[in-house]
């Protein structure tokens, strides 16, 4: 990870990931299980989140594959 990514990378919770991707929680969960969407990271005992950099990389790969 380079310095500019480190400075802007952050955890995204459910609502933000839904807003950014346009995908429902269930769709993302299915894709995560199939290995086609970034896995969430456990950030506390009861909370999981995605990294912004992982979501951006996934989106870029989807655009490139289209």
PDB file of N, CA and C in Angstrom:
ATOM      1  N   UNK A   1       0.844  -1.176   0.000  1.00  0.00           N
ATOM      2  CA  UNK A   1       0.000   0.000   0.000  1.00  0.00           C
ATOM      3  C   UNK A   1       0.891   1.241   0.000  1.00  0.00           C
ATOM      4  N   UNK A   2       0.590   2.191  -0.841  1.00  0.00           N
ATOM      5  CA  UNK A   2       1.417   3.394  -0.876  1.00  0.00           C
ATOM      6  C   UNK A   2       0.903   4.436   0.120  1.00  0.00           C
ATOM      7  N   UNK A   3       1.650   5.502   0.286  1.00  0.00           N
ATOM      8  CA  UNK A   3       1.301   6.515   1.283  1.00  0.00           C
ATOM      9  C   UNK A   3      -0.044   7.175   1.028  1.00  0.00           C
ATOM     10  N   UNK A   4      -0.379   7.451  -0.237  1.00  0.00           N
ATOM     11  CA  UNK A   4      -1.656   8.111  -0.517  1.00  0.00           C
ATOM     12  C   UNK A   4      -2.825   7.190  -0.195  1.00  0.00           C
ATOM     13  N   UNK A   5      -2.662   5.879  -0.411  1.00  0.00           N
ATOM     14  CA  UNK A   5      -3.722   4.933  -0.062  1.00  0.00           C
ATOM     15  C   UNK A   5      -3.866   4.843   1.444  1.00  0.00           C
ATOM     16  N   UNK A   6      -2.755   4.793   2.156  1.00  0.00           N
ATOM     17  CA  UNK A   6      -2.793   4.714   3.606  1.00  0.00           C
ATOM     18  C   UNK A   6      -3.498   5.924   4.207  1.00  0.00           C
ATOM     19  N   UNK A   7      -3.284   7.080   3.633  1.00  0.00           N
ATOM     20  CA  UNK A   7      -3.859   8.298   4.181  1.00  0.00           C
ATOM     21  C   UNK A   7      -5.367   8.353   3.977  1.00  0.00           C
ATOM     22  N   UNK A   8      -5.889   7.723   2.929  1.00  0.00           N
ATOM     23  CA  UNK A   8      -7.304   7.823   2.634  1.00  0.00           C
ATOM     24  C   UNK A   8      -8.074   6.533   2.903  1.00  0.00           C
ATOM     25  N   UNK A   9      -7.390   5.443   3.206  1.00  0.00           N
ATOM     26  CA  UNK A   9      -8.072   4.173   3.448  1.00  0.00           C
ATOM     27  C   UNK A   9      -8.799   4.227   4.790  1.00  0.00           C
ATOM     28  N   UNK A  10      -9.967   3.619   4.816  1.00  0.00           N
ATOM     29  CA  UNK A  10     -10.730   3.589   6.056  1.00  0.00           C
ATOM     30  C   UNK A  10     -11.726   2.450   5.996  1.00  0.00           C
ATOM     31  N   UNK A  11     -12.300   2.141   7.139  1.00  0.00           N
ATOM     32  CA  UNK A  11     -13.317   1.105   7.217  1.00  0.00           C
ATOM     33  C   UNK A  11     -14.660   1.656   6.761  1.00  0.00           C
ATOM     34  N   UNK A  12     -15.387   0.830   6.014  1.00  0.00           N
ATOM     35  CA  UNK A  12     -16.738   1.177   5.582  1.00  0.00           C
ATOM     36  C   UNK A  12     -17.708   0.193   6.209  1.00  0.00           C
ATOM     37  N   UNK A  13     -18.757   0.708   6.820  1.00  0.00           N
ATOM     38  CA  UNK A  13     -19.782  -0.155   7.392  1.00  0.00           C
ATOM     39  C   UNK A  13     -20.862  -0.413   6.344  1.00  0.00           C
ATOM     40  N   UNK A  14     -21.839  -1.206   6.691  1.00  0.00           N
ATOM     41  CA  UNK A  14     -22.869  -1.697   5.775  1.00  0.00           C
ATOM     42  C   UNK A  14     -23.514  -0.616   4.919  1.00  0.00           C
ATOM     43  N   UNK A  15     -24.026   0.421   5.533  1.00  0.00           N
ATOM     44  CA  UNK A  15     -24.770   1.444   4.781  1.00  0.00           C
ATOM     45  C   UNK A  15     -23.905   2.118   3.718  1.00  0.00           C
ATOM     46  N   UNK A  16     -22.651   2.382   4.052  1.00  0.00           N
ATOM     47  CA  UNK A  16     -21.760   3.036   3.090  1.00  0.00           C
ATOM     48  C   UNK A  16     -21.412   2.113   1.935  1.00  0.00           C
ATOM     49  N   UNK A  17     -21.169   0.840   2.235  1.00  0.00           N
ATOM     50  CA  UNK A  17     -20.847  -0.110   1.168  1.00  0.00           C
ATOM     51  C   UNK A  17     -22.053  -0.266   0.244  1.00  0.00           C
ATOM     52  N   UNK A  18     -23.243  -0.335   0.807  1.00  0.00           N
ATOM     53  CA  UNK A  18     -24.468  -0.423  -0.001  1.00  0.00           C
ATOM     54  C   UNK A  18     -24.599   0.807  -0.898  1.00  0.00           C
ATOM     55  N   UNK A  19     -24.340   1.983  -0.335  1.00  0.00           N
ATOM     56  CA  UNK A  19     -24.439   3.229  -1.098  1.00  0.00           C
ATOM     57  C   UNK A  19     -23.414   3.278  -2.237  1.00  0.00           C
ATOM     58  N   UNK A  20     -22.182   2.896  -1.952  1.00  0.00           N
ATOM     59  CA  UNK A  20     -21.108   2.961  -2.941  1.00  0.00           C
ATOM     60  C   UNK A  20     -21.313   1.938  -4.057  1.00  0.00           C
ATOM     61  N   UNK A  21     -21.692   0.711  -3.700  1.00  0.00           N
ATOM     62  CA  UNK A  21     -21.780  -0.364  -4.695  1.00  0.00           C
ATOM     63  C   UNK A  21     -23.149  -0.476  -5.347  1.00  0.00           C
ATOM     64  N   UNK A  22     -24.191  -0.066  -4.652  1.00  0.00           N
ATOM     65  CA  UNK A  22     -25.539  -0.246  -5.157  1.00  0.00           C
ATOM     66  C   UNK A  22     -26.047  -1.664  -5.000  1.00  0.00           C
ATOM     67  N   UNK A  23     -25.306  -2.488  -4.269  1.00  0.00           N
ATOM     68  CA  UNK A  23     -25.681  -3.888  -4.059  1.00  0.00           C
ATOM     69  C   UNK A  23     -26.265  -4.086  -2.665  1.00  0.00           C
ATOM     70  N   UNK A  24     -27.286  -4.932  -2.582  1.00  0.00           N
ATOM     71  CA  UNK A  24     -27.899  -5.211  -1.291  1.00  0.00           C
ATOM     72  C   UNK A  24     -26.952  -6.025  -0.409  1.00  0.00           C
ATOM     73  N   UNK A  25     -27.243  -6.064   0.856  1.00  0.00           N
ATOM     74  CA  UNK A  25     -26.446  -6.827   1.811  1.00  0.00           C
ATOM     75  C   UNK A  25     -26.421  -8.308   1.432  1.00  0.00           C
ATOM     76  N   UNK A  26     -27.584  -8.836   1.045  1.00  0.00           N
ATOM     77  CA  UNK A  26     -27.674 -10.253   0.695  1.00  0.00           C
ATOM     78  C   UNK A  26     -26.855 -10.573  -0.553  1.00  0.00           C
ATOM     79  N   UNK A  27     -26.929  -9.717  -1.547  1.00  0.00           N
ATOM     80  CA  UNK A  27     -26.150  -9.929  -2.770  1.00  0.00           C
ATOM     81  C   UNK A  27     -24.659  -9.904  -2.461  1.00  0.00           C
ATOM     82  N   UNK A  28     -24.230  -8.930  -1.682  1.00  0.00           N
ATOM     83  CA  UNK A  28     -22.808  -8.853  -1.320  1.00  0.00           C
ATOM     84  C   UNK A  28     -22.385 -10.051  -0.500  1.00  0.00           C
ATOM     85  N   UNK A  29     -23.235 -10.525   0.399  1.00  0.00           N
ATOM     86  CA  UNK A  29     -22.920 -11.697   1.220  1.00  0.00           C
ATOM     87  C   UNK A  29     -22.728 -12.924   0.327  1.00  0.00           C
ATOM     88  N   UNK A  30     -23.637 -13.108  -0.648  1.00  0.00           N
ATOM     89  CA  UNK A  30     -23.510 -14.239  -1.574  1.00  0.00           C
ATOM     90  C   UNK A  30     -22.231 -14.132  -2.395  1.00  0.00           C
ATOM     91  N   UNK A  31     -21.956 -12.930  -2.884  1.00  0.00           N
ATOM     92  CA  UNK A  31     -20.746 -12.724  -3.675  1.00  0.00           C
ATOM     93  C   UNK A  31     -19.496 -12.938  -2.828  1.00  0.00           C
ATOM     94  N   UNK A  32     -19.522 -12.501  -1.586  1.00  0.00           N
ATOM     95  CA  UNK A  32     -18.393 -12.695  -0.676  1.00  0.00           C
ATOM     96  C   UNK A  32     -18.135 -14.190  -0.483  1.00  0.00           C
ATOM     97  N   UNK A  33     -19.190 -14.948  -0.279  1.00  0.00           N
ATOM     98  CA  UNK A  33     -19.052 -16.400  -0.093  1.00  0.00           C
ATOM     99  C   UNK A  33     -18.530 -17.073  -1.354  1.00  0.00           C
ATOM    100  N   UNK A  34     -18.904 -16.537  -2.522  1.00  0.00           N
ATOM    101  CA  UNK A  34     -18.451 -17.099  -3.797  1.00  0.00           C
ATOM    102  C   UNK A  34     -17.043 -16.634  -4.163  1.00  0.00           C
ATOM    103  N   UNK A  35     -16.499 -15.680  -3.407  1.00  0.00           N
ATOM    104  CA  UNK A  35     -15.161 -15.170  -3.673  1.00  0.00           C
ATOM    105  C   UNK A  35     -15.119 -14.086  -4.733  1.00  0.00           C
ATOM    106  N   UNK A  36     -16.281 -13.468  -5.026  1.00  0.00           N
ATOM    107  CA  UNK A  36     -16.328 -12.427  -6.060  1.00  0.00           C
ATOM    108  C   UNK A  36     -16.538 -11.031  -5.489  1.00  0.00           C
ATOM    109  N   UNK A  37     -16.477 -10.906  -4.179  1.00  0.00           N
ATOM    110  CA  UNK A  37     -16.583  -9.605  -3.513  1.00  0.00           C
ATOM    111  C   UNK A  37     -15.639  -9.636  -2.315  1.00  0.00           C
ATOM    112  N   UNK A  38     -14.993  -8.513  -1.988  1.00  0.00           N
ATOM    113  CA  UNK A  38     -14.027  -8.492  -0.881  1.00  0.00           C
ATOM    114  C   UNK A  38     -14.646  -8.945   0.441  1.00  0.00           C
ATOM    115  N   UNK A  39     -13.905  -9.767   1.153  1.00  0.00           N
ATOM    116  CA  UNK A  39     -14.372 -10.231   2.467  1.00  0.00           C
ATOM    117  C   UNK A  39     -14.316  -9.105   3.477  1.00  0.00           C
ATOM    118  N   UNK A  40     -15.303  -9.110   4.353  1.00  0.00           N
ATOM    119  CA  UNK A  40     -15.322  -8.136   5.438  1.00  0.00           C
ATOM    120  C   UNK A  40     -14.258  -8.486   6.476  1.00  0.00           C
ATOM    121  N   UNK A  41     -13.838  -7.478   7.210  1.00  0.00           N
ATOM    122  CA  UNK A  41     -12.818  -7.610   8.245  1.00  0.00           C
ATOM    123  C   UNK A  41     -13.485  -7.412   9.594  1.00  0.00           C
ATOM    124  N   UNK A  42     -13.172  -8.278  10.539  1.00  0.00           N
ATOM    125  CA  UNK A  42     -13.717  -8.132  11.887  1.00  0.00           C
ATOM    126  C   UNK A  42     -12.961  -7.001  12.584  1.00  0.00           C
ATOM    127  N   UNK A  43     -13.683  -5.926  12.931  1.00  0.00           N
ATOM    128  CA  UNK A  43     -13.030  -4.762  13.540  1.00  0.00           C
ATOM    129  C   UNK A  43     -13.284  -4.677  15.043  1.00  0.00           C
ATOM    130  N   UNK A  44     -14.221  -5.470  15.529  1.00  0.00           N
ATOM    131  CA  UNK A  44     -14.444  -5.586  16.967  1.00  0.00           C
ATOM    132  C   UNK A  44     -15.187  -6.892  17.200  1.00  0.00           C
ATOM    133  N   UNK A  45     -15.554  -7.152  18.418  1.00  0.00           N
ATOM    134  CA  UNK A  45     -16.247  -8.396  18.755  1.00  0.00           C
ATOM    135  C   UNK A  45     -17.530  -8.570  17.936  1.00  0.00           C
ATOM    136  N   UNK A  46     -18.263  -7.493  17.714  1.00  0.00           N
ATOM    137  CA  UNK A  46     -19.559  -7.586  17.046  1.00  0.00           C
ATOM    138  C   UNK A  46     -19.661  -6.789  15.749  1.00  0.00           C
ATOM    139  N   UNK A  47     -18.553  -6.310  15.222  1.00  0.00           N
ATOM    140  CA  UNK A  47     -18.624  -5.456  14.035  1.00  0.00           C
ATOM    141  C   UNK A  47     -17.661  -5.926  12.950  1.00  0.00           C
ATOM    142  N   UNK A  48     -18.145  -5.872  11.723  1.00  0.00           N
ATOM    143  CA  UNK A  48     -17.322  -6.162  10.552  1.00  0.00           C
ATOM    144  C   UNK A  48     -17.431  -4.983   9.600  1.00  0.00           C
ATOM    145  N   UNK A  49     -16.398  -4.812   8.788  1.00  0.00           N
ATOM    146  CA  UNK A  49     -16.384  -3.694   7.837  1.00  0.00           C
ATOM    147  C   UNK A  49     -15.536  -4.076   6.639  1.00  0.00           C
ATOM    148  N   UNK A  50     -15.694  -3.332   5.561  1.00  0.00           N
ATOM    149  CA  UNK A  50     -14.842  -3.467   4.387  1.00  0.00           C
ATOM    150  C   UNK A  50     -13.867  -2.305   4.375  1.00  0.00           C
ATOM    151  N   UNK A  51     -12.717  -2.524   3.771  1.00  0.00           N
ATOM    152  CA  UNK A  51     -11.776  -1.428   3.564  1.00  0.00           C
ATOM    153  C   UNK A  51     -12.138  -0.705   2.277  1.00  0.00           C
ATOM    154  N   UNK A  52     -12.083   0.598   2.304  1.00  0.00           N
ATOM    155  CA  UNK A  52     -12.383   1.410   1.131  1.00  0.00           C
ATOM    156  C   UNK A  52     -11.493   1.013  -0.040  1.00  0.00           C
ATOM    157  N   UNK A  53     -10.223   0.763   0.213  1.00  0.00           N
ATOM    158  CA  UNK A  53      -9.303   0.390  -0.872  1.00  0.00           C
ATOM    159  C   UNK A  53      -9.713  -0.927  -1.517  1.00  0.00           C
ATOM    160  N   UNK A  54     -10.238  -1.867  -0.739  1.00  0.00           N
ATOM    161  CA  UNK A  54     -10.690  -3.148  -1.295  1.00  0.00           C
ATOM    162  C   UNK A  54     -11.922  -2.952  -2.177  1.00  0.00           C
ATOM    163  N   UNK A  55     -12.830  -2.096  -1.737  1.00  0.00           N
ATOM    164  CA  UNK A  55     -14.033  -1.823  -2.522  1.00  0.00           C
ATOM    165  C   UNK A  55     -13.664  -1.101  -3.814  1.00  0.00           C
ATOM    166  N   UNK A  56     -12.766  -0.136  -3.727  1.00  0.00           N
ATOM    167  CA  UNK A  56     -12.328   0.580  -4.937  1.00  0.00           C
ATOM    168  C   UNK A  56     -11.653  -0.361  -5.924  1.00  0.00           C
ATOM    169  N   UNK A  57     -10.805  -1.273  -5.426  1.00  0.00           N
ATOM    170  CA  UNK A  57     -10.127  -2.233  -6.304  1.00  0.00           C
ATOM    171  C   UNK A  57     -11.138  -3.175  -6.949  1.00  0.00           C
ATOM    172  N   UNK A  58     -12.139  -3.614  -6.196  1.00  0.00           N
ATOM    173  CA  UNK A  58     -13.188  -4.478  -6.732  1.00  0.00           C
ATOM    174  C   UNK A  58     -13.948  -3.746  -7.836  1.00  0.00           C
ATOM    175  N   UNK A  59     -14.288  -2.492  -7.599  1.00  0.00           N
ATOM    176  CA  UNK A  59     -15.023  -1.702  -8.601  1.00  0.00           C
ATOM    177  C   UNK A  59     -14.177  -1.523  -9.871  1.00  0.00           C
ATOM    178  N   UNK A  60     -12.909  -1.228  -9.713  1.00  0.00           N
ATOM    179  CA  UNK A  60     -12.030  -1.039 -10.865  1.00  0.00           C
ATOM    180  C   UNK A  60     -11.932  -2.335 -11.677  1.00  0.00           C
ATOM    181  N   UNK A  61     -11.854  -3.474 -10.997  1.00  0.00           N
ATOM    182  CA  UNK A  61     -11.788  -4.763 -11.680  1.00  0.00           C
ATOM    183  C   UNK A  61     -13.076  -5.040 -12.436  1.00  0.00           C
ATOM    184  N   UNK A  62     -14.223  -4.666 -11.862  1.00  0.00           N
ATOM    185  CA  UNK A  62     -15.512  -4.862 -12.537  1.00  0.00           C
ATOM    186  C   UNK A  62     -15.602  -3.998 -13.801  1.00  0.00           C
ATOM    187  N   UNK A  63     -15.125  -2.774 -13.718  1.00  0.00           N
ATOM    188  CA  UNK A  63     -15.152  -1.882 -14.884  1.00  0.00           C
ATOM    189  C   UNK A  63     -14.227  -2.425 -15.967  1.00  0.00           C
ATOM    190  N   UNK A  64     -13.042  -2.889 -15.566  1.00  0.00           N
ATOM    191  CA  UNK A  64     -12.076  -3.412 -16.530  1.00  0.00           C
ATOM    192  C   UNK A  64     -12.617  -4.674 -17.222  1.00  0.00           C
ATOM    193  N   UNK A  65     -13.361  -5.491 -16.477  1.00  0.00           N
ATOM    194  CA  UNK A  65     -13.883  -6.743 -17.036  1.00  0.00           C
ATOM    195  C   UNK A  65     -15.093  -6.512 -17.949  1.00  0.00           C
ATOM    196  N   UNK A  66     -15.712  -5.347 -17.847  1.00  0.00           N
ATOM    197  CA  UNK A  66     -16.923  -5.080 -18.634  1.00  0.00           C
ATOM    198  C   UNK A  66     -16.630  -4.810 -20.091  1.00  0.00           C
TER     199      UNK A  66
END
